[in-house]
Protein backbone atom coordinates (compact mmCIF):
# COMPACT_ATOMS: atom_id res chain seq x y z
CA GLY A 1 10.34 -97.06 26.81
CA GLY A 2 11.89 -98.17 30.11
CA THR A 3 15.19 -98.33 31.91
CA PHE A 4 16.86 -101.48 33.19
CA GLN A 5 20.20 -102.30 35.19
CA LEU A 6 22.50 -104.77 33.49
CA ALA A 7 23.54 -106.21 36.64
CA GLY A 8 22.36 -108.19 39.87
CA ASP A 9 18.57 -109.18 39.27
CA TYR A 10 18.12 -106.76 36.12
CA ALA A 11 15.88 -104.22 37.94
CA GLY A 12 14.14 -101.77 35.89
CA SER A 13 10.91 -100.02 35.09
CA GLY A 14 9.12 -99.18 31.84
CA ARG A 15 6.04 -98.62 29.89
CA VAL A 16 4.42 -100.15 26.56
CA GLU A 17 1.66 -97.73 24.95
CA PHE A 18 -0.52 -99.25 22.30
CA SER A 19 -2.80 -97.38 20.00
CA PRO A 20 -5.91 -99.09 18.68
CA LEU A 21 -5.49 -102.42 17.90
CA THR A 22 -8.12 -104.81 16.66
CA PHE A 23 -8.73 -108.00 18.25
CA SER A 24 -8.07 -109.88 15.06
CA THR A 25 -4.88 -108.19 14.88
CA LEU A 26 -3.87 -109.10 18.39
CA GLN A 27 -4.78 -112.83 17.43
CA ASP A 28 -2.69 -112.58 14.46
CA LEU A 29 0.27 -111.31 16.43
CA VAL A 30 -0.19 -113.55 19.71
CA MET A 31 -2.20 -116.58 18.75
CA ALA A 32 -1.66 -117.35 15.14
CA ALA A 33 1.52 -119.84 15.89
CA GLN A 34 -1.00 -121.92 18.24
CA GLY A 35 -3.31 -122.59 15.56
CA ARG A 36 -6.51 -121.58 17.39
CA GLN A 37 -9.91 -120.87 16.04
CA PRO A 38 -10.68 -117.28 14.95
CA LEU A 39 -12.36 -115.42 18.01
CA PRO A 40 -16.23 -115.23 18.08
CA VAL A 41 -16.05 -111.47 18.74
CA GLU A 42 -14.39 -108.42 17.11
CA GLY A 43 -13.42 -105.22 18.74
CA VAL A 44 -10.86 -102.57 19.52
CA VAL A 45 -8.44 -102.10 22.48
CA GLN A 46 -6.09 -99.06 23.34
CA GLY A 47 -4.09 -98.38 26.26
CA ARG A 48 -0.68 -98.72 28.08
CA VAL A 49 1.35 -100.88 30.49
CA THR A 50 3.46 -100.03 32.94
CA PHE A 51 5.89 -102.32 34.80
CA ASN A 52 8.65 -101.97 37.44
CA GLY A 53 11.00 -104.48 39.52
CA PRO A 54 13.68 -106.95 39.08
CA VAL A 55 13.46 -109.35 35.53
CA LYS A 56 15.33 -112.06 37.33
CA LYS A 57 12.49 -112.39 40.30
CA PRO A 58 9.29 -111.91 38.51
CA GLU A 59 7.60 -112.79 41.89
CA LEU A 60 8.87 -109.38 42.87
CA MET A 61 7.68 -107.34 39.63
CA THR A 62 4.50 -105.14 39.63
CA GLY A 63 2.38 -103.76 36.85
CA ARG A 64 -0.38 -101.58 35.70
CA LEU A 65 -2.60 -102.25 32.63
CA GLU A 66 -5.04 -99.22 31.77
CA ILE A 67 -7.15 -99.76 28.81
CA SER A 68 -8.56 -96.33 27.88
CA ASP A 69 -10.77 -97.81 24.87
CA LEU A 70 -12.30 -101.11 24.70
CA GLN A 71 -14.88 -102.20 22.34
CA ILE A 72 -16.62 -105.60 21.73
CA LEU A 73 -18.46 -106.13 18.37
CA PRO A 74 -19.89 -109.28 17.32
CA ALA A 75 -17.85 -110.97 14.53
CA ARG A 76 -20.90 -112.52 12.73
CA ARG A 77 -20.91 -111.37 9.26
CA THR A 78 -24.84 -112.27 8.92
CA PHE A 79 -25.97 -109.22 11.28
CA THR A 80 -27.04 -105.89 10.01
CA VAL A 81 -25.13 -103.04 11.11
CA ALA A 82 -27.89 -101.67 13.56
CA ARG A 83 -28.05 -105.48 15.21
CA ALA A 84 -24.25 -105.54 15.65
CA GLN A 85 -24.34 -102.10 17.17
CA LYS A 86 -27.19 -103.46 19.62
CA LEU A 87 -25.23 -106.40 20.60
CA SER A 88 -21.87 -104.60 21.17
CA VAL A 89 -20.33 -103.23 24.40
CA LYS A 90 -17.87 -100.93 25.46
CA ASN A 91 -15.69 -99.67 28.75
CA ALA A 92 -17.47 -96.99 30.49
CA ASP A 93 -14.33 -95.61 32.25
CA PRO A 94 -10.63 -97.04 31.93
CA VAL A 95 -10.36 -100.84 32.80
CA ILE A 96 -7.74 -101.04 35.26
CA VAL A 97 -5.75 -104.25 36.15
CA GLU A 98 -2.69 -104.19 38.47
CA TYR A 99 -0.31 -106.72 39.46
CA ASP A 100 1.52 -107.25 42.58
CA GLY A 101 3.60 -110.43 41.39
CA LYS A 102 0.95 -112.90 43.20
CA GLN A 103 -2.20 -111.88 41.53
CA LEU A 104 -4.18 -109.73 38.92
CA HIS A 105 -6.28 -107.31 40.73
CA VAL A 106 -9.18 -106.09 38.65
CA ARG A 107 -9.73 -102.35 40.16
CA ASN A 108 -12.35 -101.19 37.51
CA ALA A 109 -13.82 -103.02 34.71
CA HIS A 110 -17.25 -101.57 33.73
CA LEU A 111 -19.03 -102.46 30.43
CA VAL A 112 -21.75 -100.63 28.96
CA GLY A 113 -23.94 -101.11 25.95
CA PRO A 114 -27.59 -101.43 24.84
CA GLU A 115 -29.45 -102.99 27.70
CA THR A 116 -26.02 -103.60 29.30
CA ASP A 117 -24.49 -102.24 32.22
CA LEU A 118 -21.80 -104.92 33.90
CA LYS A 119 -19.26 -104.47 36.67
CA VAL A 120 -16.14 -106.45 37.42
CA LEU A 121 -14.07 -106.43 40.81
CA GLY A 122 -11.80 -108.81 42.10
CA ALA A 123 -8.43 -110.76 41.86
CA ILE A 124 -7.35 -113.52 39.74
CA GLY A 125 -4.16 -115.46 40.91
CA VAL A 126 -1.30 -116.35 38.58
CA ARG A 127 0.87 -118.80 40.12
CA GLU A 128 0.31 -122.35 40.29
CA LYS A 129 -2.54 -123.31 42.64
CA ALA A 130 -4.11 -119.91 42.22
CA ASN A 131 -7.52 -118.78 42.66
CA TYR A 132 -10.34 -116.58 41.35
CA ASP A 133 -11.78 -114.08 43.52
CA LEU A 134 -13.93 -112.24 41.27
CA ARG A 135 -17.00 -110.24 41.76
CA ILE A 136 -19.75 -109.74 38.70
CA GLU A 137 -23.02 -107.48 39.15
CA GLY A 138 -25.45 -105.48 36.83
CA ASN A 139 -27.33 -106.15 33.53
CA LEU A 140 -26.61 -108.03 30.40
CA ASN A 141 -28.18 -107.95 27.19
CA LEU A 142 -28.73 -111.75 26.63
CA GLY A 143 -28.50 -111.01 23.17
CA VAL A 144 -24.65 -110.57 23.43
CA LEU A 145 -24.40 -114.40 23.83
CA GLN A 146 -25.14 -114.74 20.18
CA ASN A 147 -21.79 -113.67 19.59
CA PHE A 148 -20.10 -116.32 21.14
CA GLU A 149 -22.41 -119.16 19.86
CA GLU A 150 -23.57 -118.85 16.19
CA ASP A 151 -26.10 -121.71 16.24
CA LEU A 152 -28.24 -119.37 19.21
CA VAL A 153 -30.58 -116.85 18.76
CA SER A 154 -31.16 -115.16 22.34
CA SER A 155 -32.71 -112.07 23.73
CA GLY A 156 -33.83 -110.35 27.03
CA ILE A 157 -31.83 -109.09 29.87
CA ALA A 158 -30.17 -111.00 32.65
CA THR A 159 -29.69 -109.21 36.06
CA VAL A 160 -26.37 -110.65 37.78
CA ASN A 161 -25.10 -110.61 41.34
CA ALA A 162 -22.36 -113.51 41.47
CA SER A 163 -18.94 -114.31 42.79
CA ILE A 164 -16.33 -116.54 41.06
CA ARG A 165 -14.15 -118.02 43.69
CA GLY A 166 -11.84 -121.17 44.28
CA PRO A 167 -8.67 -122.40 41.94
CA LEU A 168 -8.50 -121.81 38.39
CA ALA A 169 -9.27 -125.31 37.38
CA ASP A 170 -12.34 -125.77 39.14
CA PRO A 171 -14.11 -122.43 40.28
CA ILE A 172 -16.89 -121.94 42.42
CA VAL A 173 -19.79 -119.84 40.80
CA GLY A 174 -22.35 -118.44 43.54
CA GLY A 175 -24.93 -115.55 43.57
CA ARG A 176 -28.27 -114.79 41.85
CA MET A 177 -29.17 -114.42 38.40
CA GLU A 178 -32.59 -112.97 37.36
CA LEU A 179 -34.13 -113.46 33.71
CA LYS A 180 -36.17 -110.92 32.30
CA ASN A 181 -38.21 -111.38 28.92
CA ALA A 182 -35.49 -113.94 28.02
CA SER A 183 -35.39 -116.06 25.19
CA PHE A 184 -33.30 -119.10 23.99
CA ASN A 185 -33.38 -120.76 20.33
CA MET A 186 -30.84 -123.06 18.92
CA THR A 187 -30.98 -123.16 15.25
CA ASP A 188 -31.05 -127.50 15.15
CA ILE A 189 -33.38 -127.79 17.87
CA PRO A 190 -37.26 -127.06 17.36
CA ASN A 191 -38.24 -126.02 20.66
CA GLY A 192 -36.69 -123.06 22.43
CA LEU A 193 -36.86 -121.79 26.01
CA ASP A 194 -39.00 -118.49 26.74
């Protein structure tokens, strides 16, 4: 729903609410035309987008994305139900991202799961020559990496306190990561790392 003036810069405001959508449905709707590979994870997302400002001057528009329900699950079919649940994450509170015409401000993104408690805050520029300024901290179950690389078998916990800054094309990552009881093995390589 929304209202817009049909004159001048077409100022207006509106909202879009979406009921639970699966990642695969979103990919079918948005990315299928671009011929991309299937996403490495499955999941569900539900929330709303609100926006305000002149359509002819997008740099003056503002918006807010509030995701009330976000679940990220392994897409690998070989995982048992118990294994898939151990490698899944969901939001602890609503994920909130605000747009001010220049940057996306991550106001709250808190993901939790078995052995995972990760928070992300900061901003991402959307203009040409835009920059990252994100902070990531918390614990991550390293088994989650298997969701993104089919040939990887991993376990353990990573404690992360990091920042991502700089241009989108060449970001600078700094901080600290501690590995606890970590194990990484590739199915094609006879030796792993513990």
